[in-house]
C-alpha atoms as a PDB file:
ATOM      1  CA  MET A   1       0.000   0.000   0.000  1.00  0.00           C
ATOM      2  CA  ASN A   2       1.224   3.478  -0.844  1.00  0.00           C
ATOM      3  CA  ASP A   3       2.370   5.383   2.242  1.00  0.00           C
ATOM      4  CA  ALA A   4       0.416   8.419   1.064  1.00  0.00           C
ATOM      5  CA  THR A   5      -2.836   6.505   1.506  1.00  0.00           C
ATOM      6  CA  THR A   6      -2.223   5.197   5.019  1.00  0.00           C
ATOM      7  CA  ALA A   7      -3.887   6.948   7.917  1.00  0.00           C
ATOM      8  CA  GLU A   8      -1.517   8.947  10.079  1.00  0.00           C
ATOM      9  CA  PRO A   9      -1.815   8.884  13.874  1.00  0.00           C
ATOM     10  CA  PRO A  10      -3.274  12.034  15.395  1.00  0.00           C
ATOM     11  CA  LEU A  11      -0.763  14.657  16.383  1.00  0.00           C
ATOM     12  CA  GLY A  12      -0.007  14.862  20.086  1.00  0.00           C
ATOM     13  CA  PRO A  13       0.152  18.155  22.005  1.00  0.00           C
ATOM     14  CA  LEU A  14       3.911  18.412  21.491  1.00  0.00           C
ATOM     15  CA  SER A  15       3.626  17.876  17.726  1.00  0.00           C
ATOM     16  CA  ARG A  16       0.798  20.366  17.431  1.00  0.00           C
ATOM     17  CA  ASP A  17       2.727  22.950  19.440  1.00  0.00           C
ATOM     18  CA  ARG A  18       5.826  22.380  17.328  1.00  0.00           C
ATOM     19  CA  THR A  19       3.836  22.731  14.104  1.00  0.00           C
ATOM     20  CA  ALA A  20       2.170  25.902  15.363  1.00  0.00           C
ATOM     21  CA  LEU A  21       5.584  27.330  16.259  1.00  0.00           C
ATOM     22  CA  LEU A  22       6.946  26.479  12.807  1.00  0.00           C
ATOM     23  CA  VAL A  23       3.962  28.158  11.164  1.00  0.00           C
ATOM     24  CA  MET A  24       4.527  31.334  13.180  1.00  0.00           C
ATOM     25  CA  LEU A  25       8.269  31.365  12.478  1.00  0.00           C
ATOM     26  CA  CYS A  26       7.775  30.787   8.761  1.00  0.00           C
ATOM     27  CA  LEU A  27       5.091  33.471   8.540  1.00  0.00           C
ATOM     28  CA  ALA A  28       7.350  35.888  10.395  1.00  0.00           C
ATOM     29  CA  ALA A  29      10.168  35.119   7.949  1.00  0.00           C
ATOM     30  CA  VAL A  30       7.972  35.655   4.887  1.00  0.00           C
ATOM     31  CA  TYR A  31       6.340  38.791   6.297  1.00  0.00           C
ATOM     32  CA  LEU A  32       9.421  40.527   7.685  1.00  0.00           C
ATOM     33  CA  ILE A  33      12.202  39.326   5.389  1.00  0.00           C
ATOM     34  CA  TRP A  34      10.343  39.705   2.116  1.00  0.00           C
ATOM     35  CA  GLY A  35       8.928  43.012   3.303  1.00  0.00           C
ATOM     36  CA  SER A  36      12.454  44.242   4.015  1.00  0.00           C
ATOM     37  CA  THR A  37      14.063  43.022   0.778  1.00  0.00           C
ATOM     38  CA  TYR A  38      12.853  46.117  -1.071  1.00  0.00           C
ATOM     39  CA  LEU A  39      14.844  48.272   1.334  1.00  0.00           C
ATOM     40  CA  ALA A  40      17.842  45.946   1.014  1.00  0.00           C
ATOM     41  CA  ILE A  41      17.717  46.229  -2.788  1.00  0.00           C
ATOM     42  CA  ARG A  42      17.709  50.015  -2.503  1.00  0.00           C
ATOM     43  CA  VAL A  43      20.774  49.939  -0.230  1.00  0.00           C
ATOM     44  CA  ALA A  44      22.644  47.419  -2.399  1.00  0.00           C
ATOM     45  CA  LEU A  45      22.096  49.640  -5.444  1.00  0.00           C
ATOM     46  CA  GLU A  46      24.443  52.188  -3.867  1.00  0.00           C
ATOM     47  CA  SER A  47      27.377  50.105  -5.151  1.00  0.00           C
ATOM     48  CA  TYR A  48      25.997  47.327  -7.359  1.00  0.00           C
ATOM     49  CA  ALA A  49      24.270  47.629 -10.719  1.00  0.00           C
ATOM     50  CA  PRO A  50      20.710  46.240 -10.715  1.00  0.00           C
ATOM     51  CA  PHE A  51      20.965  43.151 -12.948  1.00  0.00           C
ATOM     52  CA  GLN A  52      24.466  42.366 -11.710  1.00  0.00           C
ATOM     53  CA  MET A  53      23.281  42.486  -8.085  1.00  0.00           C
ATOM     54  CA  ALA A  54      20.340  40.169  -8.785  1.00  0.00           C
ATOM     55  CA  ALA A  55      22.606  37.782 -10.733  1.00  0.00           C
ATOM     56  CA  ILE A  56      25.079  37.522  -7.850  1.00  0.00           C
ATOM     57  CA  ARG A  57      22.262  36.969  -5.375  1.00  0.00           C
ATOM     58  CA  PHE A  58      20.511  34.151  -7.228  1.00  0.00           C
ATOM     59  CA  LEU A  59      23.612  32.404  -8.587  1.00  0.00           C
ATOM     60  CA  ILE A  60      25.168  32.118  -5.135  1.00  0.00           C
ATOM     61  CA  ALA A  61      21.896  31.118  -3.433  1.00  0.00           C
ATOM     62  CA  GLY A  62      21.056  28.661  -6.210  1.00  0.00           C
ATOM     63  CA  ALA A  63      24.510  27.065  -6.141  1.00  0.00           C
ATOM     64  CA  LEU A  64      24.434  26.686  -2.352  1.00  0.00           C
ATOM     65  CA  LEU A  65      20.964  25.166  -2.356  1.00  0.00           C
ATOM     66  CA  PHE A  66      21.669  22.900  -5.343  1.00  0.00           C
ATOM     67  CA  GLY A  67      24.906  21.673  -3.775  1.00  0.00           C
ATOM     68  CA  TRP A  68      23.207  20.942  -0.464  1.00  0.00           C
ATOM     69  CA  LEU A  69      20.365  19.049  -2.151  1.00  0.00           C
ATOM     70  CA  HIS A  70      22.812  17.045  -4.266  1.00  0.00           C
ATOM     71  CA  TRP A  71      24.807  16.190  -1.140  1.00  0.00           C
ATOM     72  CA  ARG A  72      21.571  14.998   0.484  1.00  0.00           C
ATOM     73  CA  GLY A  73      21.013  12.651  -2.461  1.00  0.00           C
ATOM     74  CA  HIS A  74      18.240  14.468  -4.305  1.00  0.00           C
ATOM     75  CA  ALA A  75      17.852  13.450  -7.940  1.00  0.00           C
ATOM     76  CA  TRP A  76      18.958  15.834 -10.668  1.00  0.00           C
ATOM     77  CA  PRO A  77      16.157  17.344 -12.776  1.00  0.00           C
ATOM     78  CA  SER A  78      15.509  15.811 -16.169  1.00  0.00           C
ATOM     79  CA  ALA A  79      16.243  17.751 -19.365  1.00  0.00           C
ATOM     80  CA  ARG A  80      12.549  18.654 -19.663  1.00  0.00           C
ATOM     81  CA  GLN A  81      12.458  19.820 -16.040  1.00  0.00           C
ATOM     82  CA  TRP A  82      15.570  21.943 -16.564  1.00  0.00           C
ATOM     83  CA  ARG A  83      13.893  23.589 -19.567  1.00  0.00           C
ATOM     84  CA  ASN A  84      10.720  24.351 -17.617  1.00  0.00           C
ATOM     85  CA  ALA A  85      12.717  25.605 -14.635  1.00  0.00           C
ATOM     86  CA  ALA A  86      14.731  27.855 -16.950  1.00  0.00           C
ATOM     87  CA  ILE A  87      11.596  29.403 -18.458  1.00  0.00           C
ATOM     88  CA  THR A  88      10.049  29.898 -15.030  1.00  0.00           C
ATOM     89  CA  GLY A  89      13.285  31.271 -13.580  1.00  0.00           C
ATOM     90  CA  VAL A  90      13.545  33.837 -16.367  1.00  0.00           C
ATOM     91  CA  LEU A  91       9.941  34.947 -15.870  1.00  0.00           C
ATOM     92  CA  LEU A  92      10.019  35.083 -12.069  1.00  0.00           C
ATOM     93  CA  LEU A  93      13.585  36.051 -11.236  1.00  0.00           C
ATOM     94  CA  THR A  94      15.155  37.596 -14.344  1.00  0.00           C
ATOM     95  CA  LEU A  95      12.110  39.695 -15.244  1.00  0.00           C
ATOM     96  CA  GLY A  96      10.049  39.677 -12.048  1.00  0.00           C
ATOM     97  CA  ASN A  97      12.897  40.485  -9.656  1.00  0.00           C
ATOM     98  CA  GLY A  98      15.395  42.009 -12.089  1.00  0.00           C
ATOM     99  CA  LEU A  99      12.952  44.681 -13.241  1.00  0.00           C
ATOM    100  CA  VAL A 100      12.168  45.591  -9.624  1.00  0.00           C
ATOM    101  CA  CYS A 101      15.901  46.082  -9.015  1.00  0.00           C
ATOM    102  CA  TYR A 102      16.102  48.208 -12.159  1.00  0.00           C
ATOM    103  CA  ALA A 103      13.097  50.307 -11.108  1.00  0.00           C
ATOM    104  CA  GLU A 104      14.439  50.956  -7.615  1.00  0.00           C
ATOM    105  CA  GLN A 105      17.249  53.034  -9.113  1.00  0.00           C
ATOM    106  CA  THR A 106      14.680  55.814  -9.533  1.00  0.00           C
ATOM    107  CA  VAL A 107      11.626  54.674  -7.540  1.00  0.00           C
ATOM    108  CA  SER A 108      11.405  54.364  -3.752  1.00  0.00           C
ATOM    109  CA  SER A 109      11.449  50.904  -2.208  1.00  0.00           C
ATOM    110  CA  GLY A 110       7.992  51.440  -0.702  1.00  0.00           C
ATOM    111  CA  LEU A 111       6.395  52.318  -4.036  1.00  0.00           C
ATOM    112  CA  ALA A 112       8.081  49.307  -5.649  1.00  0.00           C
ATOM    113  CA  ALA A 113       6.559  47.011  -3.035  1.00  0.00           C
ATOM    114  CA  VAL A 114       3.105  48.531  -3.525  1.00  0.00           C
ATOM    115  CA  ALA A 115       3.320  48.035  -7.304  1.00  0.00           C
ATOM    116  CA  VAL A 116       4.462  44.419  -6.942  1.00  0.00           C
ATOM    117  CA  ALA A 117       1.486  43.763  -4.642  1.00  0.00           C
ATOM    118  CA  SER A 118      -0.646  43.797  -7.806  1.00  0.00           C
ATOM    119  CA  MET A 119       0.806  40.402  -8.849  1.00  0.00           C
ATOM    120  CA  PRO A 120      -2.220  38.325  -7.688  1.00  0.00           C
ATOM    121  CA  LEU A 121      -4.434  40.499  -9.890  1.00  0.00           C
ATOM    122  CA  PHE A 122      -2.511  39.522 -13.018  1.00  0.00           C
ATOM    123  CA  ALA A 123      -2.317  35.907 -11.850  1.00  0.00           C
ATOM    124  CA  ALA A 124      -6.123  35.806 -11.652  1.00  0.00           C
ATOM    125  CA  LEU A 125      -6.309  36.969 -15.264  1.00  0.00           C
ATOM    126  CA  PHE A 126      -3.705  34.499 -16.542  1.00  0.00           C
ATOM    127  CA  ALA A 127      -5.510  31.648 -14.785  1.00  0.00           C
ATOM    128  CA  GLY A 128      -8.207  32.054 -17.436  1.00  0.00           C
ATOM    129  CA  MET A 129      -5.787  30.588 -19.971  1.00  0.00           C
ATOM    130  CA  TYR A 130      -6.281  27.263 -18.198  1.00  0.00           C
ATOM    131  CA  GLY A 131     -10.041  27.470 -17.775  1.00  0.00           C
ATOM    132  CA  ARG A 132     -10.180  29.319 -14.436  1.00  0.00           C
ATOM    133  CA  TRP A 133     -11.822  32.529 -15.590  1.00  0.00           C
ATOM    134  CA  PRO A 134     -12.583  35.155 -12.954  1.00  0.00           C
ATOM    135  CA  ASP A 135     -15.999  34.771 -11.323  1.00  0.00           C
ATOM    136  CA  ARG A 136     -18.080  37.678 -10.045  1.00  0.00           C
ATOM    137  CA  ARG A 137     -16.082  38.168  -6.843  1.00  0.00           C
ATOM    138  CA  ASP A 138     -12.790  37.796  -8.725  1.00  0.00           C
ATOM    139  CA  ALA A 139     -13.968  40.394 -11.235  1.00  0.00           C
ATOM    140  CA  LEU A 140     -14.810  42.823  -8.439  1.00  0.00           C
ATOM    141  CA  GLY A 141     -11.393  42.282  -6.877  1.00  0.00           C
ATOM    142  CA  LEU A 142      -9.716  42.789 -10.262  1.00  0.00           C
ATOM    143  CA  ALA A 143     -11.614  46.011 -10.913  1.00  0.00           C
ATOM    144  CA  ILE A 144     -10.768  47.431  -7.485  1.00  0.00           C
ATOM    145  CA  GLY A 145      -7.139  46.288  -7.638  1.00  0.00           C
ATOM    146  CA  PHE A 146      -6.475  47.687 -11.087  1.00  0.00           C
ATOM    147  CA  ALA A 147      -8.083  50.979 -10.067  1.00  0.00           C
ATOM    148  CA  GLY A 148      -5.430  51.090  -7.359  1.00  0.00           C
ATOM    149  CA  VAL A 149      -2.687  50.342  -9.914  1.00  0.00           C
ATOM    150  CA  VAL A 150      -3.924  53.218 -12.105  1.00  0.00           C
ATOM    151  CA  GLY A 151      -4.044  55.536  -9.096  1.00  0.00           C
ATOM    152  CA  LEU A 152      -0.536  54.501  -8.093  1.00  0.00           C
ATOM    153  CA  ASN A 153       0.812  55.425 -11.522  1.00  0.00           C
ATOM    154  CA  PHE A 154      -0.698  58.880 -11.211  1.00  0.00           C
ATOM    155  CA  GLY A 155       1.246  59.481  -8.010  1.00  0.00           C
ATOM    156  CA  GLY A 156       4.242  61.777  -8.116  1.00  0.00           C
ATOM    157  CA  GLY A 157       6.722  58.998  -7.314  1.00  0.00           C
ATOM    158  CA  LEU A 158       6.049  57.048 -10.514  1.00  0.00           C
ATOM    159  CA  LEU A 159       5.208  59.985 -12.795  1.00  0.00           C
ATOM    160  CA  ALA A 160       8.746  61.244 -12.253  1.00  0.00           C
ATOM    161  CA  SER A 161      10.168  57.923 -13.503  1.00  0.00           C
ATOM    162  CA  PRO A 162       8.367  56.607 -16.622  1.00  0.00           C
ATOM    163  CA  LEU A 163      10.864  53.768 -17.156  1.00  0.00           C
ATOM    164  CA  GLY A 164      10.653  52.785 -13.502  1.00  0.00           C
ATOM    165  CA  ALA A 165       6.853  52.783 -13.682  1.00  0.00           C
ATOM    166  CA  LEU A 166       6.944  50.617 -16.818  1.00  0.00           C
ATOM    167  CA  ALA A 167       9.328  48.177 -15.144  1.00  0.00           C
ATOM    168  CA  LEU A 168       7.055  47.952 -12.090  1.00  0.00           C
ATOM    169  CA  ILE A 169       4.104  47.081 -14.331  1.00  0.00           C
ATOM    170  CA  ALA A 170       6.041  44.468 -16.310  1.00  0.00           C
ATOM    171  CA  ALA A 171       7.610  42.820 -13.238  1.00  0.00           C
ATOM    172  CA  PRO A 172       4.396  41.550 -11.562  1.00  0.00           C
ATOM    173  CA  ILE A 173       2.996  40.558 -14.968  1.00  0.00           C
ATOM    174  CA  ALA A 174       6.041  38.360 -15.630  1.00  0.00           C
ATOM    175  CA  TRP A 175       5.944  36.899 -12.101  1.00  0.00           C
ATOM    176  CA  ALA A 176       2.203  36.170 -12.359  1.00  0.00           C
ATOM    177  CA  PHE A 177       2.463  34.508 -15.776  1.00  0.00           C
ATOM    178  CA  GLY A 178       5.449  32.424 -14.670  1.00  0.00           C
ATOM    179  CA  SER A 179       3.608  31.318 -11.532  1.00  0.00           C
ATOM    180  CA  VAL A 180       0.487  30.259 -13.437  1.00  0.00           C
ATOM    181  CA  TRP A 181       2.372  28.668 -16.338  1.00  0.00           C
ATOM    182  CA  SER A 182       4.712  26.639 -14.126  1.00  0.00           C
ATOM    183  CA  ARG A 183       1.806  24.941 -12.346  1.00  0.00           C
ATOM    184  CA  GLN A 184       0.881  23.198 -15.591  1.00  0.00           C
ATOM    185  CA  GLN A 185       4.408  21.958 -16.345  1.00  0.00           C
ATOM    186  CA  ASP A 186       6.694  19.103 -15.337  1.00  0.00           C
ATOM    187  CA  MET A 187       8.908  20.877 -12.808  1.00  0.00           C
ATOM    188  CA  PRO A 188      11.794  19.608 -10.609  1.00  0.00           C
ATOM    189  CA  VAL A 189      10.687  18.074  -7.335  1.00  0.00           C
ATOM    190  CA  GLY A 190      10.577  20.049  -4.080  1.00  0.00           C
ATOM    191  CA  MET A 191      13.355  22.507  -3.300  1.00  0.00           C
ATOM    192  CA  MET A 192      15.295  21.316  -6.359  1.00  0.00           C
ATOM    193  CA  ASN A 193      12.742  23.352  -8.307  1.00  0.00           C
ATOM    194  CA  THR A 194      13.761  26.497  -6.402  1.00  0.00           C
ATOM    195  CA  ALA A 195      17.479  25.787  -6.859  1.00  0.00           C
ATOM    196  CA  ALA A 196      17.126  25.187 -10.607  1.00  0.00           C
ATOM    197  CA  GLN A 197      15.076  28.358 -11.073  1.00  0.00           C
ATOM    198  CA  MET A 198      17.629  30.449  -9.167  1.00  0.00           C
ATOM    199  CA  LEU A 199      20.522  29.050 -11.206  1.00  0.00           C
ATOM    200  CA  CYS A 200      18.768  29.588 -14.544  1.00  0.00           C
ATOM    201  CA  GLY A 201      17.321  32.969 -13.642  1.00  0.00           C
ATOM    202  CA  GLY A 202      20.659  34.092 -12.202  1.00  0.00           C
ATOM    203  CA  LEU A 203      22.500  33.037 -15.367  1.00  0.00           C
ATOM    204  CA  ALA A 204      20.068  35.022 -17.522  1.00  0.00           C
ATOM    205  CA  LEU A 205      20.545  38.044 -15.248  1.00  0.00           C
ATOM    206  CA  ALA A 206      24.328  37.725 -15.594  1.00  0.00           C
ATOM    207  CA  ILE A 207      23.986  37.711 -19.395  1.00  0.00           C
ATOM    208  CA  ILE A 208      21.816  40.843 -19.282  1.00  0.00           C
ATOM    209  CA  ALA A 209      24.291  42.539 -16.947  1.00  0.00           C
ATOM    210  CA  GLY A 210      27.123  41.685 -19.350  1.00  0.00           C
ATOM    211  CA  LEU A 211      25.237  42.935 -22.404  1.00  0.00           C
ATOM    212  CA  ALA A 212      24.345  46.132 -20.542  1.00  0.00           C
ATOM    213  CA  GLY A 213      28.007  46.642 -19.660  1.00  0.00           C
ATOM    214  CA  GLU A 214      27.406  46.737 -15.913  1.00  0.00           C
ATOM    215  CA  PRO A 215      30.876  46.805 -14.295  1.00  0.00           C
ATOM    216  CA  LEU A 216      31.740  45.178 -10.999  1.00  0.00           C
ATOM    217  CA  PRO A 217      32.167  47.827  -8.295  1.00  0.00           C
ATOM    218  CA  ARG A 218      35.795  48.495  -7.423  1.00  0.00           C
ATOM    219  CA  THR A 219      35.130  49.642  -3.863  1.00  0.00           C
ATOM    220  CA  PRO A 220      31.609  48.646  -2.822  1.00  0.00           C
ATOM    221  CA  THR A 221      30.413  50.195   0.403  1.00  0.00           C
ATOM    222  CA  LEU A 222      29.984  47.999   3.450  1.00  0.00           C
ATOM    223  CA  PRO A 223      26.212  48.682   3.743  1.00  0.00           C
ATOM    224  CA  ALA A 224      25.697  47.744   0.081  1.00  0.00           C
ATOM    225  CA  THR A 225      27.652  44.500   0.446  1.00  0.00           C
ATOM    226  CA  LEU A 226      25.855  43.581   3.666  1.00  0.00           C
ATOM    227  CA  ALA A 227      22.527  44.259   1.933  1.00  0.00           C
ATOM    228  CA  LEU A 228      23.530  41.927  -0.910  1.00  0.00           C
ATOM    229  CA  ILE A 229      24.485  39.213   1.586  1.00  0.00           C
ATOM    230  CA  TYR A 230      21.141  39.718   3.338  1.00  0.00           C
ATOM    231  CA  LEU A 231      19.279  39.354   0.044  1.00  0.00           C
ATOM    232  CA  THR A 232      21.193  36.174  -0.785  1.00  0.00           C
ATOM    233  CA  VAL A 233      20.913  34.416   2.563  1.00  0.00           C
ATOM    234  CA  ALA A 234      17.722  35.766   4.120  1.00  0.00           C
ATOM    235  CA  GLY A 235      15.706  36.691   1.048  1.00  0.00           C
ATOM    236  CA  SER A 236      16.609  33.841  -1.294  1.00  0.00           C
ATOM    237  CA  LEU A 237      17.359  30.946   1.088  1.00  0.00           C
ATOM    238  CA  VAL A 238      15.545  31.474   4.401  1.00  0.00           C
ATOM    239  CA  ALA A 239      12.333  33.235   3.351  1.00  0.00           C
ATOM    240  CA  LEU A 240      11.869  31.259   0.146  1.00  0.00           C
ATOM    241  CA  SER A 241      12.339  27.972   2.015  1.00  0.00           C
ATOM    242  CA  ALA A 242       9.831  29.145   4.632  1.00  0.00           C
ATOM    243  CA  TYR A 243       7.336  29.993   1.899  1.00  0.00           C
ATOM    244  CA  VAL A 244       7.715  26.575   0.257  1.00  0.00           C
ATOM    245  CA  TRP A 245       7.131  24.909   3.660  1.00  0.00           C
ATOM    246  CA  LEU A 246       4.020  27.008   4.240  1.00  0.00           C
ATOM    247  CA  LEU A 247       2.589  26.063   0.852  1.00  0.00           C
ATOM    248  CA  GLY A 248       2.803  22.410   1.828  1.00  0.00           C
ATOM    249  CA  ASN A 249       1.482  22.726   5.383  1.00  0.00           C
ATOM    250  CA  VAL A 250      -1.095  25.515   5.671  1.00  0.00           C
ATOM    251  CA  ARG A 251      -4.022  26.870   3.685  1.00  0.00           C
ATOM    252  CA  PRO A 252      -3.012  28.679   0.474  1.00  0.00           C
ATOM    253  CA  ALA A 253      -4.826  31.802   1.672  1.00  0.00           C
ATOM    254  CA  LEU A 254      -2.563  31.903   4.738  1.00  0.00           C
ATOM    255  CA  ALA A 255       0.613  31.124   2.789  1.00  0.00           C
ATOM    256  CA  THR A 256      -0.080  33.922   0.291  1.00  0.00           C
ATOM    257  CA  SER A 257      -1.119  36.425   2.957  1.00  0.00           C
ATOM    258  CA  TYR A 258       2.333  38.013   2.594  1.00  0.00           C
ATOM    259  CA  ALA A 259       0.757  40.011  -0.252  1.00  0.00           C
ATOM    260  CA  TYR A 260      -1.099  42.037   2.410  1.00  0.00           C
ATOM    261  CA  VAL A 261       1.832  42.509   4.765  1.00  0.00           C
ATOM    262  CA  ASN A 262       4.910  43.154   2.605  1.00  0.00           C
ATOM    263  CA  PRO A 263       3.871  46.559   1.146  1.00  0.00           C
ATOM    264  CA  PRO A 264       3.132  48.293   4.493  1.00  0.00           C
ATOM    265  CA  ILE A 265       6.369  46.916   5.960  1.00  0.00           C
ATOM    266  CA  ALA A 266       8.364  48.097   2.942  1.00  0.00           C
ATOM    267  CA  VAL A 267       6.774  51.547   3.042  1.00  0.00           C
ATOM    268  CA  LEU A 268       7.385  51.957   6.782  1.00  0.00           C
ATOM    269  CA  LEU A 269      11.017  50.810   6.512  1.00  0.00           C
ATOM    270  CA  GLY A 270      11.667  53.096   3.552  1.00  0.00           C
ATOM    271  CA  VAL A 271      10.226  56.114   5.349  1.00  0.00           C
ATOM    272  CA  ALA A 272      11.865  55.339   8.704  1.00  0.00           C
ATOM    273  CA  LEU A 273      15.362  54.290   7.571  1.00  0.00           C
ATOM    274  CA  LEU A 274      15.889  56.044   4.228  1.00  0.00           C
ATOM    275  CA  GLY A 275      13.535  58.992   4.583  1.00  0.00           C
ATOM    276  CA  GLU A 276      11.705  58.037   1.393  1.00  0.00           C
ATOM    277  CA  PRO A 277       8.707  60.301   0.709  1.00  0.00           C
ATOM    278  CA  ILE A 278       5.244  58.779   0.435  1.00  0.00           C
ATOM    279  CA  GLY A 279       2.243  60.806  -0.679  1.00  0.00           C
ATOM    280  CA  GLY A 280      -1.395  60.498   0.223  1.00  0.00           C
ATOM    281  CA  LEU A 281      -2.314  59.211  -3.249  1.00  0.00           C
ATOM    282  CA  GLU A 282       0.252  56.436  -3.003  1.00  0.00           C
ATOM    283  CA  VAL A 283      -1.060  55.382   0.431  1.00  0.00           C
ATOM    284  CA  LEU A 284      -4.639  55.364  -0.908  1.00  0.00           C
ATOM    285  CA  ALA A 285      -3.548  53.339  -3.951  1.00  0.00           C
ATOM    286  CA  MET A 286      -1.846  50.800  -1.671  1.00  0.00           C
ATOM    287  CA  ILE A 287      -5.037  50.351   0.349  1.00  0.00           C
ATOM    288  CA  VAL A 288      -7.131  49.941  -2.812  1.00  0.00           C
ATOM    289  CA  ILE A 289      -4.720  47.392  -4.336  1.00  0.00           C
ATOM    290  CA  LEU A 290      -4.651  45.348  -1.128  1.00  0.00           C
ATOM    291  CA  ILE A 291      -8.465  45.352  -0.955  1.00  0.00           C
ATOM    292  CA  GLY A 292      -8.608  43.995  -4.500  1.00  0.00           C
ATOM    293  CA  VAL A 293      -5.988  41.347  -3.773  1.00  0.00           C
ATOM    294  CA  GLY A 294      -7.799  40.403  -0.563  1.00  0.00           C
ATOM    295  CA  LEU A 295     -11.089  39.859  -2.410  1.00  0.00           C
ATOM    296  CA  ILE A 296      -9.416  37.565  -4.933  1.00  0.00           C
ATOM    297  CA  LEU A 297      -7.542  35.544  -2.306  1.00  0.00           C
ATOM    298  CA  ARG A 298     -10.676  35.224  -0.177  1.00  0.00           C
ATOM    299  CA  ALA A 299     -12.711  34.081  -3.165  1.00  0.00           C
ATOM    300  CA  ARG A 300     -10.160  31.315  -3.854  1.00  0.00           C
ATOM    301  CA  LYS A 301      -9.588  30.369  -0.210  1.00  0.00           C
END
């Protein structure tokens, strides 16, 4: 009999307490670390070029994770799985994350986080490609969320940077399409999927950095280097691993609740630590976007 079909004994108090503690720790990691990565990107950009910084981050994190998994005896992905991981890695990391890094050269970290919060809206639209068209509640959430996106782009922070605004529209679109598309494909198993995506996405970022002529910094500042290390270890290894664990152990609505929490954390950190300005229209747009995202996530709970 397959182990997956056998009944498991009920969890004892100790197991339940341990699971509850793991859930809280993983949620804290996803909320706080991912919310702070926008600030870390902004600091790292003081010395590192955007695509070069993202390439270093994902290549190192991907190599460390891949090496650890190989040492633990995990099977290598097949050629088909490598191809699918490469496509997904380019969509999520090269475009999704790389364009955010590019935009943060001219756009505040808080505004970048608010714009990226629109990702579930685009994901709901792309799901229609596979027969999951938005229902009435989804449509209401989409309408409200996209009204917030339009309002955000009329704010002074994005009007002053047309290329940054364009990048912050394209980034969540690429992330959303990659997320929806990858669910229909033969992907590497478990964390090997994450490692393969980071390696492939990081390689594509390195190629873009080379074609763009981004030079390595001769004397990077200590804060910028520490921010890059934080992005590599905390953002790419710790928080991503916590998110993968949450997806397998809690309700999807709880695992994806970071979409509500990351933007306010990023805005508060940007204002408090970097003195980034935030206008009333941007705050209103953030609230509207999060309401739209919340309606969609609640409808699909």
